[in-house]
Amino acid sequence: MKGDRTEIVIDAGGATRTYEIEATRNGRRVEITHGRGIVEVTEVTRSGTPVRTARFMASRVLALVEHPAARVAAREGKPIAPVVPPPREGGNSAARQPARDGVTVT
């Protein structure tokens, strides 16, 4: 999806270098493959045609971080908030009870 990006941190002989591959247009996505000692990050179209490709030796890759694009609700134009489950009940419930003055004791 447009806005998805992948950040690759490489060991460059005593220093680190950072590269970014980003899906620059609608319908494009970033795919990551690894095998035979090579990590490949590719921006591809809807049909699977590669647009840009970056290849790195797997032994030099320090970090591979995927940053998904912010998803937007189609009708309201508002960002979709992640669903956070409510706190679980049970266990040591005394630690979660509010004190008499309204302050929660943990």
N, C-alpha and C. Protein backbone atom coordinates (compact mmCIF):
# COMPACT_ATOMS: atom_id res chain seq x y z
N MET A 1 0.83 -1.17 0.00
CA MET A 1 0.00 0.00 0.00
C MET A 1 0.88 1.24 0.00
N LYS A 2 0.43 2.29 -0.64
CA LYS A 2 1.20 3.52 -0.70
C LYS A 2 1.53 3.99 0.72
N GLY A 3 2.77 4.33 0.94
CA GLY A 3 3.22 4.80 2.24
C GLY A 3 3.90 3.73 3.06
N ASP A 4 3.70 2.46 2.72
CA ASP A 4 4.43 1.39 3.41
C ASP A 4 5.91 1.58 3.10
N ARG A 5 6.74 1.39 4.11
CA ARG A 5 8.18 1.49 3.85
C ARG A 5 8.92 0.50 4.71
N THR A 6 10.11 0.16 4.25
CA THR A 6 10.97 -0.76 4.97
C THR A 6 12.32 -0.09 5.15
N GLU A 7 12.83 -0.14 6.36
CA GLU A 7 14.11 0.46 6.70
C GLU A 7 15.10 -0.68 6.93
N ILE A 8 16.26 -0.60 6.27
CA ILE A 8 17.28 -1.63 6.38
C ILE A 8 18.54 -0.99 6.94
N VAL A 9 19.05 -1.53 8.05
CA VAL A 9 20.29 -1.03 8.66
C VAL A 9 21.38 -2.05 8.37
N ILE A 10 22.49 -1.57 7.79
CA ILE A 10 23.58 -2.42 7.32
C ILE A 10 24.87 -2.10 8.07
N ASP A 11 25.64 -3.14 8.38
CA ASP A 11 26.99 -2.96 8.93
C ASP A 11 27.91 -2.67 7.76
N ALA A 12 28.50 -1.48 7.77
CA ALA A 12 29.37 -1.07 6.67
C ALA A 12 30.82 -0.97 7.14
N GLY A 13 31.31 -2.01 7.79
CA GLY A 13 32.71 -2.03 8.21
C GLY A 13 33.03 -1.01 9.28
N GLY A 14 32.45 -1.13 10.44
CA GLY A 14 32.73 -0.21 11.54
C GLY A 14 31.70 0.89 11.68
N ALA A 15 30.91 1.13 10.69
CA ALA A 15 29.84 2.13 10.74
C ALA A 15 28.55 1.46 10.27
N THR A 16 27.45 2.15 10.44
CA THR A 16 26.18 1.61 9.95
C THR A 16 25.63 2.54 8.88
N ARG A 17 24.92 1.96 7.94
CA ARG A 17 24.25 2.73 6.89
C ARG A 17 22.79 2.31 6.90
N THR A 18 21.91 3.26 6.64
CA THR A 18 20.48 2.99 6.63
C THR A 18 19.91 3.26 5.25
N TYR A 19 19.13 2.31 4.76
CA TYR A 19 18.46 2.44 3.47
C TYR A 19 16.97 2.30 3.69
N GLU A 20 16.17 2.97 2.84
CA GLU A 20 14.72 2.87 2.93
C GLU A 20 14.15 2.59 1.54
N ILE A 21 13.22 1.65 1.50
CA ILE A 21 12.46 1.37 0.29
C ILE A 21 11.01 1.67 0.64
N GLU A 22 10.33 2.49 -0.17
CA GLU A 22 8.97 2.91 0.12
C GLU A 22 8.06 2.67 -1.07
N ALA A 23 6.82 2.28 -0.79
CA ALA A 23 5.81 2.16 -1.83
C ALA A 23 5.35 3.58 -2.15
N THR A 24 5.73 4.09 -3.33
CA THR A 24 5.55 5.51 -3.64
C THR A 24 4.23 5.86 -4.29
N ARG A 25 3.50 4.88 -4.82
CA ARG A 25 2.24 5.17 -5.49
C ARG A 25 1.15 4.22 -5.01
N ASN A 26 -0.10 4.60 -5.30
CA ASN A 26 -1.22 3.73 -4.92
C ASN A 26 -1.10 2.38 -5.61
N GLY A 27 -1.41 1.33 -4.87
CA GLY A 27 -1.38 -0.01 -5.43
C GLY A 27 -0.04 -0.69 -5.34
N ARG A 28 0.99 0.03 -4.98
CA ARG A 28 2.31 -0.59 -4.84
C ARG A 28 2.51 -1.08 -3.43
N ARG A 29 3.38 -2.06 -3.29
CA ARG A 29 3.68 -2.62 -1.98
C ARG A 29 5.16 -2.95 -1.90
N VAL A 30 5.62 -3.21 -0.71
CA VAL A 30 7.03 -3.58 -0.48
C VAL A 30 7.06 -5.04 -0.06
N GLU A 31 7.85 -5.84 -0.77
CA GLU A 31 8.00 -7.25 -0.45
C GLU A 31 9.43 -7.52 0.00
N ILE A 32 9.57 -8.43 0.97
CA ILE A 32 10.89 -8.80 1.48
C ILE A 32 11.07 -10.29 1.28
N THR A 33 12.19 -10.67 0.68
CA THR A 33 12.53 -12.09 0.53
C THR A 33 13.95 -12.29 1.02
N HIS A 34 14.22 -13.48 1.53
CA HIS A 34 15.58 -13.79 1.96
C HIS A 34 15.84 -15.26 1.69
N GLY A 35 17.05 -15.52 1.29
CA GLY A 35 17.46 -16.89 1.01
C GLY A 35 18.86 -16.89 0.41
N ARG A 36 19.58 -17.99 0.66
CA ARG A 36 20.94 -18.16 0.14
C ARG A 36 21.87 -17.00 0.49
N GLY A 37 21.69 -16.46 1.68
CA GLY A 37 22.60 -15.42 2.15
C GLY A 37 22.31 -14.03 1.60
N ILE A 38 21.15 -13.83 0.95
CA ILE A 38 20.80 -12.53 0.38
C ILE A 38 19.43 -12.10 0.92
N VAL A 39 19.32 -10.83 1.30
CA VAL A 39 18.04 -10.23 1.68
C VAL A 39 17.68 -9.27 0.56
N GLU A 40 16.46 -9.42 0.03
CA GLU A 40 16.03 -8.60 -1.10
C GLU A 40 14.75 -7.86 -0.72
N VAL A 41 14.75 -6.54 -0.87
CA VAL A 41 13.58 -5.71 -0.58
C VAL A 41 13.17 -5.08 -1.91
N THR A 42 11.90 -5.32 -2.30
CA THR A 42 11.45 -4.90 -3.62
C THR A 42 10.14 -4.13 -3.52
N GLU A 43 10.05 -3.02 -4.25
CA GLU A 43 8.78 -2.32 -4.43
C GLU A 43 8.15 -2.89 -5.69
N VAL A 44 6.92 -3.40 -5.57
CA VAL A 44 6.26 -4.04 -6.70
C VAL A 44 4.90 -3.40 -6.96
N THR A 45 4.43 -3.52 -8.22
CA THR A 45 3.12 -3.01 -8.60
C THR A 45 2.06 -4.03 -8.25
N ARG A 46 0.80 -3.71 -8.53
CA ARG A 46 -0.31 -4.64 -8.26
C ARG A 46 -0.12 -5.96 -9.00
N SER A 47 0.40 -5.88 -10.22
CA SER A 47 0.57 -7.09 -11.03
C SER A 47 1.83 -7.87 -10.66
N GLY A 48 2.65 -7.34 -9.76
CA GLY A 48 3.85 -8.05 -9.32
C GLY A 48 5.11 -7.66 -10.05
N THR A 49 5.04 -6.64 -10.91
CA THR A 49 6.22 -6.17 -11.63
C THR A 49 7.12 -5.38 -10.68
N PRO A 50 8.40 -5.76 -10.55
CA PRO A 50 9.29 -5.01 -9.66
C PRO A 50 9.60 -3.62 -10.20
N VAL A 51 9.57 -2.63 -9.32
CA VAL A 51 9.89 -1.25 -9.69
C VAL A 51 11.30 -0.92 -9.22
N ARG A 52 11.57 -1.18 -7.95
CA ARG A 52 12.91 -0.96 -7.38
C ARG A 52 13.27 -2.16 -6.54
N THR A 53 14.53 -2.52 -6.55
CA THR A 53 15.00 -3.66 -5.77
C THR A 53 16.30 -3.28 -5.07
N ALA A 54 16.41 -3.68 -3.82
CA ALA A 54 17.65 -3.50 -3.06
C ALA A 54 18.06 -4.88 -2.54
N ARG A 55 19.32 -5.25 -2.77
CA ARG A 55 19.82 -6.55 -2.30
C ARG A 55 20.98 -6.33 -1.35
N PHE A 56 20.98 -7.11 -0.27
CA PHE A 56 22.02 -6.99 0.74
C PHE A 56 22.46 -8.38 1.16
N MET A 57 23.73 -8.49 1.55
CA MET A 57 24.22 -9.74 2.12
C MET A 57 23.59 -9.91 3.49
N ALA A 58 23.01 -11.06 3.75
CA ALA A 58 22.31 -11.29 5.02
C ALA A 58 23.23 -11.14 6.22
N SER A 59 24.49 -11.48 6.06
CA SER A 59 25.43 -11.37 7.18
C SER A 59 25.71 -9.92 7.57
N ARG A 60 25.41 -8.97 6.69
CA ARG A 60 25.64 -7.54 6.96
C ARG A 60 24.41 -6.82 7.48
N VAL A 61 23.23 -7.44 7.39
CA VAL A 61 22.00 -6.79 7.82
C VAL A 61 21.90 -6.83 9.34
N LEU A 62 21.82 -5.65 9.95
CA LEU A 62 21.68 -5.54 11.41
C LEU A 62 20.22 -5.48 11.81
N ALA A 63 19.41 -4.76 11.03
CA ALA A 63 17.98 -4.62 11.35
C ALA A 63 17.19 -4.44 10.07
N LEU A 64 15.99 -4.98 10.09
CA LEU A 64 15.06 -4.87 8.97
C LEU A 64 13.72 -4.49 9.59
N VAL A 65 13.31 -3.23 9.43
CA VAL A 65 12.14 -2.71 10.12
C VAL A 65 11.08 -2.33 9.10
N GLU A 66 9.87 -2.89 9.27
CA GLU A 66 8.76 -2.56 8.38
C GLU A 66 7.89 -1.51 9.05
N HIS A 67 7.58 -0.44 8.31
CA HIS A 67 6.73 0.63 8.80
C HIS A 67 5.47 0.67 7.95
N PRO A 68 4.34 0.15 8.44
CA PRO A 68 3.12 0.20 7.64
C PRO A 68 2.59 1.63 7.57
N ALA A 69 1.92 1.95 6.47
CA ALA A 69 1.33 3.27 6.30
C ALA A 69 0.16 3.42 7.26
N ALA A 70 -0.14 4.65 7.64
CA ALA A 70 -1.30 4.91 8.49
C ALA A 70 -2.55 4.61 7.68
N ARG A 71 -3.40 3.77 8.20
CA ARG A 71 -4.63 3.42 7.51
C ARG A 71 -5.68 4.51 7.77
N VAL A 72 -6.44 4.91 6.75
CA VAL A 72 -7.42 5.98 6.88
C VAL A 72 -8.80 5.43 6.56
N ALA A 73 -9.78 5.77 7.38
CA ALA A 73 -11.16 5.36 7.13
C ALA A 73 -11.63 6.01 5.84
N ALA A 74 -12.27 5.23 4.99
CA ALA A 74 -12.64 5.70 3.66
C ALA A 74 -13.68 6.81 3.69
N ARG A 75 -14.65 6.75 4.58
CA ARG A 75 -15.74 7.71 4.54
C ARG A 75 -15.44 8.99 5.32
N GLU A 76 -14.88 8.86 6.51
CA GLU A 76 -14.67 10.03 7.34
C GLU A 76 -13.33 10.70 7.10
N GLY A 77 -12.37 9.98 6.53
CA GLY A 77 -11.04 10.55 6.34
C GLY A 77 -10.25 10.63 7.63
N LYS A 78 -10.65 9.84 8.63
CA LYS A 78 -9.96 9.85 9.92
C LYS A 78 -9.08 8.61 10.02
N PRO A 79 -7.94 8.72 10.69
CA PRO A 79 -7.11 7.53 10.89
C PRO A 79 -7.86 6.49 11.71
N ILE A 80 -7.66 5.25 11.37
CA ILE A 80 -8.27 4.15 12.10
C ILE A 80 -7.41 3.86 13.33
N ALA A 81 -8.03 3.94 14.50
CA ALA A 81 -7.29 3.70 15.74
C ALA A 81 -7.14 2.20 15.95
N PRO A 82 -6.00 1.76 16.45
CA PRO A 82 -5.84 0.34 16.75
C PRO A 82 -6.78 -0.07 17.88
N VAL A 83 -7.25 -1.29 17.82
CA VAL A 83 -8.15 -1.81 18.85
C VAL A 83 -7.31 -2.27 20.03
N VAL A 84 -7.57 -1.69 21.19
CA VAL A 84 -6.85 -2.04 22.41
C VAL A 84 -7.82 -2.81 23.30
N PRO A 85 -7.46 -4.05 23.64
CA PRO A 85 -8.38 -4.82 24.48
C PRO A 85 -8.46 -4.22 25.88
N PRO A 86 -9.61 -4.38 26.54
CA PRO A 86 -9.74 -3.86 27.91
C PRO A 86 -8.84 -4.65 28.84
N PRO A 87 -8.47 -4.08 29.99
CA PRO A 87 -7.62 -4.81 30.93
C PRO A 87 -8.32 -6.07 31.41
N ARG A 88 -7.52 -7.11 31.62
CA ARG A 88 -8.07 -8.39 32.06
C ARG A 88 -8.44 -8.33 33.53
N GLU A 89 -9.56 -8.93 33.85
CA GLU A 89 -10.00 -9.02 35.23
C GLU A 89 -9.43 -10.28 35.85
N GLY A 90 -9.34 -10.30 37.14
CA GLY A 90 -8.83 -11.47 37.83
C GLY A 90 -7.42 -11.22 38.35
N GLY A 91 -6.82 -12.27 38.85
CA GLY A 91 -5.48 -12.12 39.40
C GLY A 91 -5.53 -11.34 40.69
N ASN A 92 -4.64 -10.42 40.89
CA ASN A 92 -4.58 -9.62 42.10
C ASN A 92 -5.46 -8.39 41.91
N SER A 93 -6.75 -8.55 42.12
CA SER A 93 -7.69 -7.47 41.87
C SER A 93 -7.57 -6.35 42.91
N ALA A 94 -7.01 -6.65 44.06
CA ALA A 94 -6.86 -5.62 45.09
C ALA A 94 -5.91 -4.53 44.64
N ALA A 95 -4.95 -4.88 43.79
CA ALA A 95 -3.99 -3.88 43.33
C ALA A 95 -4.62 -2.92 42.34
N ARG A 96 -5.75 -3.31 41.73
CA ARG A 96 -6.38 -2.44 40.73
C ARG A 96 -7.56 -1.67 41.28
N GLN A 97 -7.91 -1.84 42.53
CA GLN A 97 -9.06 -1.17 43.12
C GLN A 97 -8.71 0.28 43.43
N PRO A 98 -9.62 1.20 43.13
CA PRO A 98 -9.34 2.60 43.48
C PRO A 98 -9.37 2.79 44.99
N ALA A 99 -8.50 3.66 45.45
CA ALA A 99 -8.49 3.97 46.88
C ALA A 99 -9.70 4.84 47.21
N ARG A 100 -9.93 5.07 48.48
CA ARG A 100 -11.12 5.83 48.89
C ARG A 100 -11.10 7.27 48.41
N ASP A 101 -9.90 7.83 48.21
CA ASP A 101 -9.82 9.22 47.75
C ASP A 101 -9.84 9.33 46.23
N GLY A 102 -10.08 8.23 45.51
CA GLY A 102 -10.19 8.27 44.05
C GLY A 102 -8.87 8.01 43.33
N VAL A 103 -7.78 7.76 44.03
CA VAL A 103 -6.49 7.49 43.43
C VAL A 103 -6.35 5.97 43.27
N THR A 104 -5.95 5.53 42.12
CA THR A 104 -5.77 4.09 41.90
C THR A 104 -4.43 3.65 42.47
N VAL A 105 -4.45 2.60 43.25
CA VAL A 105 -3.25 2.07 43.86
C VAL A 105 -2.77 0.90 43.03
N THR A 106 -1.49 0.91 42.62
CA THR A 106 -0.94 -0.21 41.85
C THR A 106 0.17 -0.87 42.58
